[in-house]
PDB file of N, CA and C in Angstrom:
ATOM      1  N   UNK A   1       0.802  -1.204   0.000  1.00  0.00           N
ATOM      2  CA  UNK A   1       0.000   0.000   0.000  1.00  0.00           C
ATOM      3  C   UNK A   1       0.840   1.261   0.000  1.00  0.00           C
ATOM      4  N   UNK A   2       1.966   1.236   0.672  1.00  0.00           N
ATOM      5  CA  UNK A   2       2.804   2.434   0.755  1.00  0.00           C
ATOM      6  C   UNK A   2       3.334   2.798  -0.624  1.00  0.00           C
ATOM      7  N   UNK A   3       3.690   1.821  -1.433  1.00  0.00           N
ATOM      8  CA  UNK A   3       4.233   2.099  -2.754  1.00  0.00           C
ATOM      9  C   UNK A   3       3.190   2.760  -3.648  1.00  0.00           C
ATOM     10  N   UNK A   4       1.934   2.347  -3.565  1.00  0.00           N
ATOM     11  CA  UNK A   4       0.911   2.930  -4.427  1.00  0.00           C
ATOM     12  C   UNK A   4       0.578   4.361  -4.020  1.00  0.00           C
ATOM     13  N   UNK A   5       0.634   4.680  -2.742  1.00  0.00           N
ATOM     14  CA  UNK A   5       0.326   6.040  -2.317  1.00  0.00           C
ATOM     15  C   UNK A   5       1.467   6.992  -2.643  1.00  0.00           C
ATOM     16  N   UNK A   6       2.712   6.533  -2.600  1.00  0.00           N
ATOM     17  CA  UNK A   6       3.823   7.412  -2.963  1.00  0.00           C
ATOM     18  C   UNK A   6       3.935   7.556  -4.465  1.00  0.00           C
ATOM     19  N   UNK A   7       3.446   6.599  -5.212  1.00  0.00           N
ATOM     20  CA  UNK A   7       3.472   6.688  -6.669  1.00  0.00           C
ATOM     21  C   UNK A   7       2.567   7.807  -7.174  1.00  0.00           C
ATOM     22  N   UNK A   8       1.435   8.002  -6.514  1.00  0.00           N
ATOM     23  CA  UNK A   8       0.481   9.010  -6.947  1.00  0.00           C
ATOM     24  C   UNK A   8       0.756  10.393  -6.369  1.00  0.00           C
ATOM     25  N   UNK A   9       1.694  10.513  -5.457  1.00  0.00           N
ATOM     26  CA  UNK A   9       1.997  11.800  -4.848  1.00  0.00           C
ATOM     27  C   UNK A   9       2.730  12.686  -5.852  1.00  0.00           C
ATOM     28  N   UNK A  10       2.239  13.913  -6.007  1.00  0.00           N
ATOM     29  CA  UNK A  10       2.852  14.870  -6.927  1.00  0.00           C
ATOM     30  C   UNK A  10       3.499  15.964  -6.097  1.00  0.00           C
ATOM     31  N   UNK A  11       4.771  16.176  -6.328  1.00  0.00           N
ATOM     32  CA  UNK A  11       5.506  17.189  -5.594  1.00  0.00           C
ATOM     33  C   UNK A  11       5.609  18.475  -6.383  1.00  0.00           C
ATOM     34  N   UNK A  12       6.298  19.446  -5.804  1.00  0.00           N
ATOM     35  CA  UNK A  12       6.439  20.757  -6.429  1.00  0.00           C
ATOM     36  C   UNK A  12       7.238  20.679  -7.731  1.00  0.00           C
ATOM     37  N   UNK A  13       8.295  19.858  -7.757  1.00  0.00           N
ATOM     38  CA  UNK A  13       9.105  19.760  -8.971  1.00  0.00           C
ATOM     39  C   UNK A  13       8.315  19.146 -10.122  1.00  0.00           C
ATOM     40  N   UNK A  14       7.450  18.202  -9.838  1.00  0.00           N
ATOM     41  CA  UNK A  14       6.642  17.606 -10.899  1.00  0.00           C
ATOM     42  C   UNK A  14       5.658  18.616 -11.461  1.00  0.00           C
ATOM     43  N   UNK A  15       5.076  19.439 -10.591  1.00  0.00           N
ATOM     44  CA  UNK A  15       4.134  20.466 -11.056  1.00  0.00           C
ATOM     45  C   UNK A  15       4.865  21.498 -11.906  1.00  0.00           C
ATOM     46  N   UNK A  16       6.047  21.914 -11.473  1.00  0.00           N
ATOM     47  CA  UNK A  16       6.834  22.880 -12.251  1.00  0.00           C
ATOM     48  C   UNK A  16       7.193  22.303 -13.608  1.00  0.00           C
ATOM     49  N   UNK A  17       7.579  21.049 -13.648  1.00  0.00           N
ATOM     50  CA  UNK A  17       7.916  20.404 -14.914  1.00  0.00           C
ATOM     51  C   UNK A  17       6.710  20.339 -15.844  1.00  0.00           C
ATOM     52  N   UNK A  18       5.556  20.024 -15.317  1.00  0.00           N
ATOM     53  CA  UNK A  18       4.334  19.969 -16.128  1.00  0.00           C
ATOM     54  C   UNK A  18       4.005  21.346 -16.688  1.00  0.00           C
ATOM     55  N   UNK A  19       4.119  22.389 -15.865  1.00  0.00           N
ATOM     56  CA  UNK A  19       3.839  23.756 -16.324  1.00  0.00           C
ATOM     57  C   UNK A  19       4.807  24.167 -17.428  1.00  0.00           C
ATOM     58  N   UNK A  20       6.078  23.843 -17.281  1.00  0.00           N
ATOM     59  CA  UNK A  20       7.070  24.200 -18.295  1.00  0.00           C
ATOM     60  C   UNK A  20       6.778  23.476 -19.608  1.00  0.00           C
ATOM     61  N   UNK A  21       6.430  22.209 -19.534  1.00  0.00           N
ATOM     62  CA  UNK A  21       6.126  21.448 -20.748  1.00  0.00           C
ATOM     63  C   UNK A  21       4.898  22.019 -21.448  1.00  0.00           C
ATOM     64  N   UNK A  22       3.874  22.379 -20.674  1.00  0.00           N
ATOM     65  CA  UNK A  22       2.664  22.960 -21.271  1.00  0.00           C
ATOM     66  C   UNK A  22       2.986  24.309 -21.922  1.00  0.00           C
ATOM     67  N   UNK A  23       3.798  25.127 -21.265  1.00  0.00           N
ATOM     68  CA  UNK A  23       4.192  26.405 -21.850  1.00  0.00           C
ATOM     69  C   UNK A  23       4.964  26.209 -23.143  1.00  0.00           C
ATOM     70  N   UNK A  24       5.845  25.241 -23.182  1.00  0.00           N
ATOM     71  CA  UNK A  24       6.612  24.984 -24.398  1.00  0.00           C
ATOM     72  C   UNK A  24       5.731  24.453 -25.527  1.00  0.00           C
ATOM     73  N   UNK A  25       4.741  23.649 -25.181  1.00  0.00           N
ATOM     74  CA  UNK A  25       3.886  23.062 -26.210  1.00  0.00           C
ATOM     75  C   UNK A  25       2.903  24.067 -26.800  1.00  0.00           C
ATOM     76  N   UNK A  26       2.279  24.873 -25.938  1.00  0.00           N
ATOM     77  CA  UNK A  26       1.195  25.725 -26.400  1.00  0.00           C
ATOM     78  C   UNK A  26       1.572  27.196 -26.486  1.00  0.00           C
ATOM     79  N   UNK A  27       2.550  27.635 -25.759  1.00  0.00           N
ATOM     80  CA  UNK A  27       2.906  29.054 -25.756  1.00  0.00           C
ATOM     81  C   UNK A  27       2.052  29.824 -24.764  1.00  0.00           C
ATOM     82  N   UNK A  28       2.544  30.959 -24.328  1.00  0.00           N
ATOM     83  CA  UNK A  28       1.862  31.745 -23.303  1.00  0.00           C
ATOM     84  C   UNK A  28       0.548  32.353 -23.753  1.00  0.00           C
ATOM     85  N   UNK A  29       0.415  32.655 -25.047  1.00  0.00           N
ATOM     86  CA  UNK A  29      -0.803  33.315 -25.528  1.00  0.00           C
ATOM     87  C   UNK A  29      -1.960  32.347 -25.716  1.00  0.00           C
ATOM     88  N   UNK A  30      -1.664  31.092 -25.932  1.00  0.00           N
ATOM     89  CA  UNK A  30      -2.717  30.113 -26.216  1.00  0.00           C
ATOM     90  C   UNK A  30      -3.334  29.522 -24.944  1.00  0.00           C
ATOM     91  N   UNK A  31      -2.617  29.556 -23.839  1.00  0.00           N
ATOM     92  CA  UNK A  31      -3.079  28.912 -22.603  1.00  0.00           C
ATOM     93  C   UNK A  31      -4.374  29.527 -22.055  1.00  0.00           C
ATOM     94  N   UNK A  32      -4.524  30.880 -22.006  1.00  0.00           N
ATOM     95  CA  UNK A  32      -5.805  31.408 -21.509  1.00  0.00           C
ATOM     96  C   UNK A  32      -7.003  30.964 -22.346  1.00  0.00           C
ATOM     97  N   UNK A  33      -6.805  30.861 -23.650  1.00  0.00           N
ATOM     98  CA  UNK A  33      -7.894  30.400 -24.515  1.00  0.00           C
ATOM     99  C   UNK A  33      -8.238  28.940 -24.214  1.00  0.00           C
ATOM    100  N   UNK A  34      -7.233  28.122 -23.990  1.00  0.00           N
ATOM    101  CA  UNK A  34      -7.481  26.721 -23.644  1.00  0.00           C
ATOM    102  C   UNK A  34      -8.197  26.596 -22.308  1.00  0.00           C
ATOM    103  N   UNK A  35      -7.825  27.419 -21.345  1.00  0.00           N
ATOM    104  CA  UNK A  35      -8.458  27.366 -20.017  1.00  0.00           C
ATOM    105  C   UNK A  35      -9.913  27.839 -20.087  1.00  0.00           C
ATOM    106  N   UNK A  36     -10.179  28.853 -20.909  1.00  0.00           N
ATOM    107  CA  UNK A  36     -11.570  29.291 -21.085  1.00  0.00           C
ATOM    108  C   UNK A  36     -12.413  28.176 -21.677  1.00  0.00           C
ATOM    109  N   UNK A  37     -11.876  27.496 -22.669  1.00  0.00           N
ATOM    110  CA  UNK A  37     -12.592  26.376 -23.278  1.00  0.00           C
ATOM    111  C   UNK A  37     -12.836  25.256 -22.287  1.00  0.00           C
ATOM    112  N   UNK A  38     -11.835  24.961 -21.474  1.00  0.00           N
ATOM    113  CA  UNK A  38     -11.990  23.929 -20.454  1.00  0.00           C
ATOM    114  C   UNK A  38     -13.039  24.335 -19.426  1.00  0.00           C
ATOM    115  N   UNK A  39     -13.024  25.592 -19.007  1.00  0.00           N
ATOM    116  CA  UNK A  39     -14.006  26.079 -18.034  1.00  0.00           C
ATOM    117  C   UNK A  39     -15.421  26.037 -18.576  1.00  0.00           C
ATOM    118  N   UNK A  40     -15.588  26.434 -19.837  1.00  0.00           N
ATOM    119  CA  UNK A  40     -16.937  26.401 -20.411  1.00  0.00           C
ATOM    120  C   UNK A  40     -17.409  24.965 -20.589  1.00  0.00           C
ATOM    121  N   UNK A  41     -16.498  24.058 -20.897  1.00  0.00           N
ATOM    122  CA  UNK A  41     -16.879  22.644 -21.009  1.00  0.00           C
ATOM    123  C   UNK A  41     -17.319  22.074 -19.680  1.00  0.00           C
ATOM    124  N   UNK A  42     -16.607  22.423 -18.609  1.00  0.00           N
ATOM    125  CA  UNK A  42     -16.987  21.964 -17.269  1.00  0.00           C
ATOM    126  C   UNK A  42     -18.338  22.548 -16.871  1.00  0.00           C
ATOM    127  N   UNK A  43     -18.562  23.816 -17.201  1.00  0.00           N
ATOM    128  CA  UNK A  43     -19.837  24.462 -16.872  1.00  0.00           C
ATOM    129  C   UNK A  43     -20.993  23.781 -17.609  1.00  0.00           C
ATOM    130  N   UNK A  44     -20.797  23.488 -18.894  1.00  0.00           N
ATOM    131  CA  UNK A  44     -21.841  22.810 -19.652  1.00  0.00           C
ATOM    132  C   UNK A  44     -22.115  21.416 -19.089  1.00  0.00           C
ATOM    133  N   UNK A  45     -21.063  20.726 -18.669  1.00  0.00           N
ATOM    134  CA  UNK A  45     -21.236  19.398 -18.085  1.00  0.00           C
ATOM    135  C   UNK A  45     -22.045  19.470 -16.799  1.00  0.00           C
ATOM    136  N   UNK A  46     -21.736  20.450 -15.946  1.00  0.00           N
ATOM    137  CA  UNK A  46     -22.477  20.607 -14.696  1.00  0.00           C
ATOM    138  C   UNK A  46     -23.938  20.948 -14.970  1.00  0.00           C
ATOM    139  N   UNK A  47     -24.180  21.849 -15.940  1.00  0.00           N
ATOM    140  CA  UNK A  47     -25.554  22.206 -16.274  1.00  0.00           C
ATOM    141  C   UNK A  47     -26.316  20.997 -16.816  1.00  0.00           C
ATOM    142  N   UNK A  48     -25.665  20.201 -17.640  1.00  0.00           N
ATOM    143  CA  UNK A  48     -26.322  19.024 -18.201  1.00  0.00           C
ATOM    144  C   UNK A  48     -26.618  17.994 -17.118  1.00  0.00           C
ATOM    145  N   UNK A  49     -25.725  17.853 -16.153  1.00  0.00           N
ATOM    146  CA  UNK A  49     -25.973  16.885 -15.094  1.00  0.00           C
ATOM    147  C   UNK A  49     -27.093  17.357 -14.166  1.00  0.00           C
ATOM    148  N   UNK A  50     -27.241  18.658 -13.987  1.00  0.00           N
ATOM    149  CA  UNK A  50     -28.356  19.182 -13.192  1.00  0.00           C
ATOM    150  C   UNK A  50     -29.674  19.002 -13.931  1.00  0.00           C
ATOM    151  N   UNK A  51     -29.666  19.217 -15.251  1.00  0.00           N
ATOM    152  CA  UNK A  51     -30.880  19.070 -16.044  1.00  0.00           C
ATOM    153  C   UNK A  51     -31.310  17.617 -16.137  1.00  0.00           C
ATOM    154  N   UNK A  52     -30.394  16.692 -15.993  1.00  0.00           N
ATOM    155  CA  UNK A  52     -30.713  15.273 -16.089  1.00  0.00           C
ATOM    156  C   UNK A  52     -31.617  14.841 -14.929  1.00  0.00           C
ATOM    157  N   UNK A  53     -31.492  15.496 -13.796  1.00  0.00           N
ATOM    158  CA  UNK A  53     -32.313  15.150 -12.647  1.00  0.00           C
ATOM    159  C   UNK A  53     -33.764  15.560 -12.840  1.00  0.00           C
ATOM    160  N   UNK A  54     -34.007  16.596 -13.619  1.00  0.00           N
ATOM    161  CA  UNK A  54     -35.366  17.085 -13.859  1.00  0.00           C
ATOM    162  C   UNK A  54     -36.026  16.251 -14.951  1.00  0.00           C
ATOM    163  N   UNK A  55     -37.335  16.073 -14.875  1.00  0.00           N
ATOM    164  CA  UNK A  55     -38.016  15.332 -15.948  1.00  0.00           C
ATOM    165  C   UNK A  55     -38.014  16.123 -17.244  1.00  0.00           C
ATOM    166  N   UNK A  56     -37.902  15.436 -18.345  1.00  0.00           N
ATOM    167  CA  UNK A  56     -37.852  16.090 -19.653  1.00  0.00           C
ATOM    168  C   UNK A  56     -39.236  16.643 -19.996  1.00  0.00           C
ATOM    169  N   UNK A  57     -39.258  17.824 -20.578  1.00  0.00           N
ATOM    170  CA  UNK A  57     -40.494  18.437 -21.029  1.00  0.00           C
ATOM    171  C   UNK A  57     -40.414  18.618 -22.537  1.00  0.00           C
ATOM    172  N   UNK A  58     -41.569  18.526 -23.188  1.00  0.00           N
ATOM    173  CA  UNK A  58     -41.604  18.725 -24.630  1.00  0.00           C
ATOM    174  C   UNK A  58     -42.226  20.079 -24.890  1.00  0.00           C
ATOM    175  N   UNK A  59     -41.639  20.784 -25.837  1.00  0.00           N
ATOM    176  CA  UNK A  59     -42.154  22.100 -26.208  1.00  0.00           C
ATOM    177  C   UNK A  59     -42.924  21.990 -27.514  1.00  0.00           C
ATOM    178  N   UNK A  60     -44.230  21.752 -27.386  1.00  0.00           N
ATOM    179  CA  UNK A  60     -45.073  21.658 -28.578  1.00  0.00           C
ATOM    180  C   UNK A  60     -45.953  22.896 -28.609  1.00  0.00           C
ATOM    181  N   UNK A  61     -45.988  23.481 -29.786  1.00  0.00           N
ATOM    182  CA  UNK A  61     -46.829  24.701 -29.928  1.00  0.00           C
ATOM    183  C   UNK A  61     -48.026  24.440 -30.753  1.00  0.00           C
TER     184      UNK A  61
END
């Protein structure tokens, strides 16, 4: 059990390395656009999961 918990532990150096790799791959100007897209996707997912609890209604005119 100890080996599996230390395997998943992320330290400061790993986070810094991930940030540097992302900056090199996408560049500083592209990251805010990617984060906005990710945020809007999460928001849509949350809204869809809330709507799933409500019964479906049909809009017939």
